[in-house]
Amino acid sequence: MKPRTLLAALLLAALALTGCLADASTDTATPPAADALLPATVSRHTDGDTAWFQLESGAEEKVRFIGIDTPEVYGEVEAYGAEASAYTASALPIGRQVWLETDVELRDQYGRMLAYVWLEQPTSGSDAEVRAKMLNAQLLLDGYAAVSTYTPNVKYVELFARYQAEAREAGAGLWGADD
């Protein structure tokens, strides 16, 4: 895992231990704004935290999933990268309809669209709905990703920190993998 991702994970763990993050019973997420949701169709796979989607406009976009980082499968290959990529490909079969939720910044420094990937159209943004319908969250919960946030795109950071802590405690996925 990249040093920045490890640092973010340690920082989030420290915040959780000191009580700086929301209590587990608090559900502070708000419903996605209608203008922040883009219906899209999966067109290609890249790796665990990036895929290509065709938007309703016909444009094809390379999308980096907000708030998470999966182990690398290109360049310096990292442990559990292949598993994370396979998980994402399984969750996003070519042709599947999804909803992309954007946050404050639409693109990263590489020109990729930034989005939360909803497998079903969201309505409430509640903790239960995020767990059940958002791929970014499922990658964290099942141990295929670590929290990696870049301000100002932090809408779900408290939930994501909680999901990562749950996965670590359960030894799920990469958290149970041998070093």
Foldseek 3Di string as FASTA:
>chain_A
DDPLLVVVLVVLVVCVVVVVFDDPVDWDFFFFDPVQKWKWFFAAADWLFWGWTQTPVRDIFIEGEAFKDFADDPDPGDPLGRVSSVVNCVLHPGGQIWIWGAADDQADPVRGGYTWIFSDRDDGRTLVRCCVTTPRLVCQQQVRITTRHDPPRCSCVSSSSVSNVNCLVVCGRPSVDDD
